[in-house]
Amino acid sequence: MERIQFSLLPISEEVKKAVSEMGFEEATAIQTQSIPLIMDGNDIIGHSQTGTGKTAAFGIPVIEKIDKELRNTTQALILCPTRELAVQACEEIRKFAKYKHGISVVPIYGGQPIDRQIRALKMGASIVIGTPGRVMDHLRRRTLKLQNLSMVVLDEADEMLNMGFREDIETILQDVPAERQTILFSATMPPEIIKITKQYQTDPKMIKIVHHELTVPSIEQYYYEVGSGRKIEALSRLLDYHNPNRSVIFCNTKRMVDELVSELMVRGYTPHGLHGDMKQQARTHVMDMFKAGACDILIATDVAARGIDVNDIDAVFNFDIPQDEEYYVHRIGRTGRAGKSGVAHTLVCGRKQIFALRDIQRYIKTKIGLKQLPTVSEVEAIRNEKLIEQISQTLEAKAFQKYEAVVDKLLENDYTSVDIACALLQMLDQNAGDANVREENFVRENRRQNSDRGERSEFGRSGSKKVRVNREGSSYREKSKDRGHEIELPKESMTRLIVSVGRKDRVSAGHLLAAIAGESGLSGKSIGSIEVLDNYSFVEVPKDAVELVLQAMDGCVINGRKSSIEVVKNKKRMKK
C-alpha cells in the first residue's frame, strides 16, 4: 500500500505540529490504514509486527477522540504486556499530545509505588496506559474509574496472552462500558485472539500489513548492541575502522538527521544531511555532491533517500532501526550494487529493538550477525596501517627533496632520524584529528591550543577584547562596550551574516553549523566563525556562497524556532 504524508491524514493541526517537531515525514503502512478507520469510530484488528509504528497508529486517534468536556475523567485505556512497553507508549503519546492542552496521560504498572499512581489518577487522567495486572489492582481498589471510558486498546495482544493475562483482559473488558470502541493489535492471530475479537468487538475492520516480496541484495549484514547514550561513539568507531569511501547513514526523523550531522562535524567528519524540510535546491546540491564524490557521508531519512541512485556506496549504517521491515530492505539495497560488495551495520538499543530486528530477519529470511564493536586499539591499528601506506606512497614518489635541508638542520641539533620521523608523525596525526575522541576532549584540546597562542577558542571569550580565527584563517576584532558590540567585518574572502536566533532560543553553534550546511549544501569546513549571543548569532560564510545561503536559510527552522538571516553590511552597535 502506498504511504502518505502525515499532513494529509485526517488529524488536527495541533497533532500535525507535534508530529512535524518529532521529525516524522511519512506515515507507515499500519498508520496510513489505521488512523482514518479509528477516527471514524470503527473497531480495529491490526495484524502487524513489532516496530511498524503501532503506537502512533492507535495513539494519535486516541488523542483526537478525547472529549474536551470530560478531560478530567478516564476516556481511553491502553493495555500493554510489560511495564517497559507501557512507559514507552506513554512517552510517545505525550509527545503527540504536546499541543493538545489539558490531556493527561498516566502510566500504571507493577514495580512502581501504587500510592504515586493513585495520586496521579485522582488528579485526572484522560488516557491510562497500563499492564493488565496493575489495572486490575486499581479497579479492585476503585482508584481507576471507567464509567466515561469510550476506547480500549489492546497492544501486542498475543504477547499478553502468552504471559498469562487472558483472564485479566477478559475481566477488564467485561467491566468497561459496553458502548465503546475496541482496538486490538497483534503480531500473530492464534485462536485465542480470534475468540476475544468475536466476543468483545463489534464488526471489526481487519488491517493486515502485507509486505511486497523484495529481493535482499547479497551483502554482509551485522548488528551491534549498544546503549542509547553510546550510539554516536559506536558509529564513530565503525566509521573509523571501516573507513568507507562513500556511505549512507539512516535516521528515522528529520531532527535526528540534523543532530547527527552536528555531532559528527564536531568529531571531525564532513557529513551532509538530507531530509524533507530542506529546500529542493539544497537537496539537489547535496545529492550532486554525493554522486560526484565530494561528499563521503550522507545522513538521510527514508523518504529523502528514495532519490539516491549511486552504484558505489560501500556501506550503509542504520543509526536508528527502521520502523518498517520494508524500509530496512530499501536501506541496505543502497549498497552492494552493480556486482560490487557492500555491508550494512545496524545499531540496536534495548529489548524492544532486538525484537524488531528479529521481525526483520524473519521478513528478509536472512541472518543478521551480531558483532562486537572494534576496540580503540583495533581502530588505532587500522589508522596506523593507512598511515604507513600513505608514507610508503610518498617515499616511492620521491617528491620530498625540498625538505632535506630541514632534516639536515635537525640532525645537526643532535636529534636522531627516528626522533624526527616520530615527531612528524605526531604532528600529522594531530592535524588529521582523531574522530574517535569525545566531543569534550575535542573542545578541551581546541581551547588549550588557542590558549598557547594567547587567544581564546572560536566559541570562547577573553575579556574586553577578543580575536577570533575561523576555519579559513580570516580574523576580526570585537570590542565589548557597556551597551553593545562594535563589530568589524571579516576579511574579503568571507561575508558575515546575522541570524535571528540565539541562546535564548536554545540554539548552539552546532545547531547553526548543521542548519547552514544541511540547507545550503556547503561543507562544514568552509563555514567560518560562529558566535551565539542571547538574541541573535553571527556566522561567516564564503563570499561567493552568500546568495545560496540566504536563499536556503530563508525562514529555516533551527532547533524548533523559525529564523531570518541577512548580511551584516556595516558596523553595527547592537544590544545583546
Foldseek 3Di string as FASTA:
>chain_A
DDWAFPVPDPADPLLVVLCVLVFAGIQFPLLRPQQVCVLVPFAAEEAAAFLQPVLCSPLRSLLRPQDPVQQQAAAEEEADAAQVVLVVSQVVSCSSCVRVPSAAEEEWEPPDDVVVSLVVNNRGHHYYYYHLVRVVVCVVVVSHDAANYAEYEYEQVVSNVVVPCLVSVVVVLVPHDLNHHYYYYHNDDDPSNVVCCVVRGDPYDYDYDDDDDDAFAPAAFAEEEDAPVCLLLLVLLVCLLVVWLAEEEEDAGPVVQLVSCLQLVLLPAWEAEFEDLFDPQLLVLQLVCRQVSVHRYYYYYLVRCPPRDHAAHAEYEYSDDHSDLVSVRVRQVSYCHPVDYHYYYYYAYDDSRVSVVVVSCVSNVHDHHYDYRDDPVSSVVSVVVVVVVVVVVCVVVPPCVVCVVVVVVVVVVVDDPVNVVVVVVVVVDVVSGRSSDHSVVSQVVQQVVQVVVVAGALADDDPQKHWYAWLVGWIWIWGDDPFFIWGDAIDPQKFKKKKFAAVCLVADPSLVLSQQCHRLVDTSSQKIGWYGDHGIIMTIHTPVCVVSSQVSLDQDQGSNRGMHMDTPDDTDGDGD
